[in-house]
Amino acid sequence: MKISKYIQDEFNNIFKESKKYKAYELGLSIGNYRFYKYILSEYGNEAAEKMFNEYLYGNNNYNKYFRKLIEIDEKNEEQEEDTSAIERRDIKLN
């Protein structure tokens, strides 16, 4: 059964506005983020940037989610470093 292009486009527009599609985009972003972190840890920043160039600089929602995950992770790592520094300082004072 062949579906007309108009009907397919209308269906795609409706689906892209649904919560399920947003969940799909977020799931895609999380999966790619986890893979990005693995490549980053195993092969370094240059390899990760080459492989994930589209996700790092693209304009789709999942690219925005992907970059947001990286931003959150970087802030979390900074807070962990600050906490570790405070703990080390407290140990020296005691």
C-alpha atoms as a PDB file:
ATOM      1  CA  MET A   1       0.000   0.000   0.000  1.00  0.00           C
ATOM      2  CA  LYS A   2       1.492   3.300  -1.068  1.00  0.00           C
ATOM      3  CA  ILE A   3       0.813   6.370   1.069  1.00  0.00           C
ATOM      4  CA  SER A   4       0.755   9.793  -0.494  1.00  0.00           C
ATOM      5  CA  LYS A   5       3.574  12.168   0.351  1.00  0.00           C
ATOM      6  CA  TYR A   6       1.100  14.692   1.771  1.00  0.00           C
ATOM      7  CA  ILE A   7      -0.371  12.183   4.243  1.00  0.00           C
ATOM      8  CA  GLN A   8       3.088  10.991   5.269  1.00  0.00           C
ATOM      9  CA  ASP A   9       4.282  14.580   5.829  1.00  0.00           C
ATOM     10  CA  GLU A  10       1.202  15.392   7.909  1.00  0.00           C
ATOM     11  CA  PHE A  11       1.715  12.276  10.026  1.00  0.00           C
ATOM     12  CA  ASN A  12       5.392  13.145  10.538  1.00  0.00           C
ATOM     13  CA  ASN A  13       4.498  16.688  11.642  1.00  0.00           C
ATOM     14  CA  ILE A  14       1.960  15.389  14.165  1.00  0.00           C
ATOM     15  CA  PHE A  15       4.382  12.773  15.470  1.00  0.00           C
ATOM     16  CA  LYS A  16       7.235  15.277  15.856  1.00  0.00           C
ATOM     17  CA  GLU A  17       5.043  17.398  18.122  1.00  0.00           C
ATOM     18  CA  SER A  18       4.145  14.469  20.381  1.00  0.00           C
ATOM     19  CA  LYS A  19       5.648  13.671  23.785  1.00  0.00           C
ATOM     20  CA  LYS A  20       6.763  10.291  22.477  1.00  0.00           C
ATOM     21  CA  TYR A  21       8.934  11.925  19.833  1.00  0.00           C
ATOM     22  CA  LYS A  22      10.483  14.239  22.418  1.00  0.00           C
ATOM     23  CA  ALA A  23      11.231  11.176  24.556  1.00  0.00           C
ATOM     24  CA  TYR A  24      12.768   9.535  21.476  1.00  0.00           C
ATOM     25  CA  GLU A  25      15.008  12.569  20.912  1.00  0.00           C
ATOM     26  CA  LEU A  26      16.069  12.603  24.548  1.00  0.00           C
ATOM     27  CA  GLY A  27      16.790   8.862  24.470  1.00  0.00           C
ATOM     28  CA  LEU A  28      18.868   9.285  21.323  1.00  0.00           C
ATOM     29  CA  SER A  29      20.775  12.123  22.966  1.00  0.00           C
ATOM     30  CA  ILE A  30      21.475  10.134  26.125  1.00  0.00           C
ATOM     31  CA  GLY A  31      22.700   7.117  24.161  1.00  0.00           C
ATOM     32  CA  ASN A  32      24.998   9.226  22.015  1.00  0.00           C
ATOM     33  CA  TYR A  33      26.213  11.101  25.084  1.00  0.00           C
ATOM     34  CA  ARG A  34      27.191   7.847  26.815  1.00  0.00           C
ATOM     35  CA  PHE A  35      29.038   6.717  23.683  1.00  0.00           C
ATOM     36  CA  TYR A  36      30.699  10.156  23.429  1.00  0.00           C
ATOM     37  CA  LYS A  37      31.948   9.868  27.018  1.00  0.00           C
ATOM     38  CA  TYR A  38      33.371   6.409  26.271  1.00  0.00           C
ATOM     39  CA  ILE A  39      35.189   7.608  23.140  1.00  0.00           C
ATOM     40  CA  LEU A  40      36.428  10.662  25.044  1.00  0.00           C
ATOM     41  CA  SER A  41      37.863   8.510  27.844  1.00  0.00           C
ATOM     42  CA  GLU A  42      39.411   5.883  25.556  1.00  0.00           C
ATOM     43  CA  TYR A  43      40.640   7.925  22.579  1.00  0.00           C
ATOM     44  CA  GLY A  44      40.707  11.547  23.696  1.00  0.00           C
ATOM     45  CA  ASN A  45      39.066  14.816  22.810  1.00  0.00           C
ATOM     46  CA  GLU A  46      40.137  14.972  19.163  1.00  0.00           C
ATOM     47  CA  ALA A  47      38.640  11.590  18.280  1.00  0.00           C
ATOM     48  CA  ALA A  48      35.421  12.351  20.156  1.00  0.00           C
ATOM     49  CA  GLU A  49      35.044  15.711  18.411  1.00  0.00           C
ATOM     50  CA  LYS A  50      35.561  14.139  14.985  1.00  0.00           C
ATOM     51  CA  MET A  51      33.052  11.365  15.603  1.00  0.00           C
ATOM     52  CA  PHE A  52      30.392  13.558  17.214  1.00  0.00           C
ATOM     53  CA  ASN A  53      30.853  16.709  15.160  1.00  0.00           C
ATOM     54  CA  GLU A  54      27.232  16.672  13.961  1.00  0.00           C
ATOM     55  CA  TYR A  55      25.891  16.322  17.502  1.00  0.00           C
ATOM     56  CA  LEU A  56      28.203  18.967  18.939  1.00  0.00           C
ATOM     57  CA  TYR A  57      27.400  21.617  16.336  1.00  0.00           C
ATOM     58  CA  GLY A  58      24.027  20.628  14.834  1.00  0.00           C
ATOM     59  CA  ASN A  59      20.742  22.451  15.318  1.00  0.00           C
ATOM     60  CA  ASN A  60      18.253  19.616  15.903  1.00  0.00           C
ATOM     61  CA  ASN A  61      16.615  19.164  19.288  1.00  0.00           C
ATOM     62  CA  TYR A  62      18.615  16.019  20.008  1.00  0.00           C
ATOM     63  CA  ASN A  63      21.805  17.950  19.273  1.00  0.00           C
ATOM     64  CA  LYS A  64      20.719  20.604  21.765  1.00  0.00           C
ATOM     65  CA  TYR A  65      19.924  17.905  24.342  1.00  0.00           C
ATOM     66  CA  PHE A  66      23.302  16.282  23.657  1.00  0.00           C
ATOM     67  CA  ARG A  67      25.164  19.544  24.257  1.00  0.00           C
ATOM     68  CA  LYS A  68      23.098  20.201  27.394  1.00  0.00           C
ATOM     69  CA  LEU A  69      24.093  16.791  28.781  1.00  0.00           C
ATOM     70  CA  ILE A  70      27.757  17.634  28.200  1.00  0.00           C
ATOM     71  CA  GLU A  71      27.295  21.015  29.876  1.00  0.00           C
ATOM     72  CA  ILE A  72      25.601  19.423  32.905  1.00  0.00           C
ATOM     73  CA  ASP A  73      28.362  16.819  33.164  1.00  0.00           C
ATOM     74  CA  GLU A  74      31.069  19.493  33.051  1.00  0.00           C
ATOM     75  CA  LYS A  75      29.342  21.476  35.815  1.00  0.00           C
ATOM     76  CA  ASN A  76      28.992  18.295  37.860  1.00  0.00           C
ATOM     77  CA  GLU A  77      32.699  17.497  37.450  1.00  0.00           C
ATOM     78  CA  GLU A  78      33.592  21.052  38.554  1.00  0.00           C
ATOM     79  CA  GLN A  79      31.445  20.687  41.660  1.00  0.00           C
ATOM     80  CA  GLU A  80      33.054  17.336  42.442  1.00  0.00           C
ATOM     81  CA  GLU A  81      36.508  18.920  42.137  1.00  0.00           C
ATOM     82  CA  ASP A  82      35.456  21.781  44.423  1.00  0.00           C
ATOM     83  CA  THR A  83      34.064  19.312  46.953  1.00  0.00           C
ATOM     84  CA  SER A  84      37.266  17.272  46.843  1.00  0.00           C
ATOM     85  CA  ALA A  85      39.351  20.404  47.410  1.00  0.00           C
ATOM     86  CA  ILE A  86      37.190  21.352  50.391  1.00  0.00           C
ATOM     87  CA  GLU A  87      37.468  17.837  51.815  1.00  0.00           C
ATOM     88  CA  ARG A  88      41.259  17.883  51.412  1.00  0.00           C
ATOM     89  CA  ARG A  89      41.419  21.277  53.125  1.00  0.00           C
ATOM     90  CA  ASP A  90      39.256  20.016  55.994  1.00  0.00           C
ATOM     91  CA  ILE A  91      41.488  16.967  56.429  1.00  0.00           C
ATOM     92  CA  LYS A  92      44.596  19.187  56.647  1.00  0.00           C
ATOM     93  CA  LEU A  93      42.944  21.425  59.233  1.00  0.00           C
ATOM     94  CA  ASN A  94      42.005  18.492  61.462  1.00  0.00           C
END
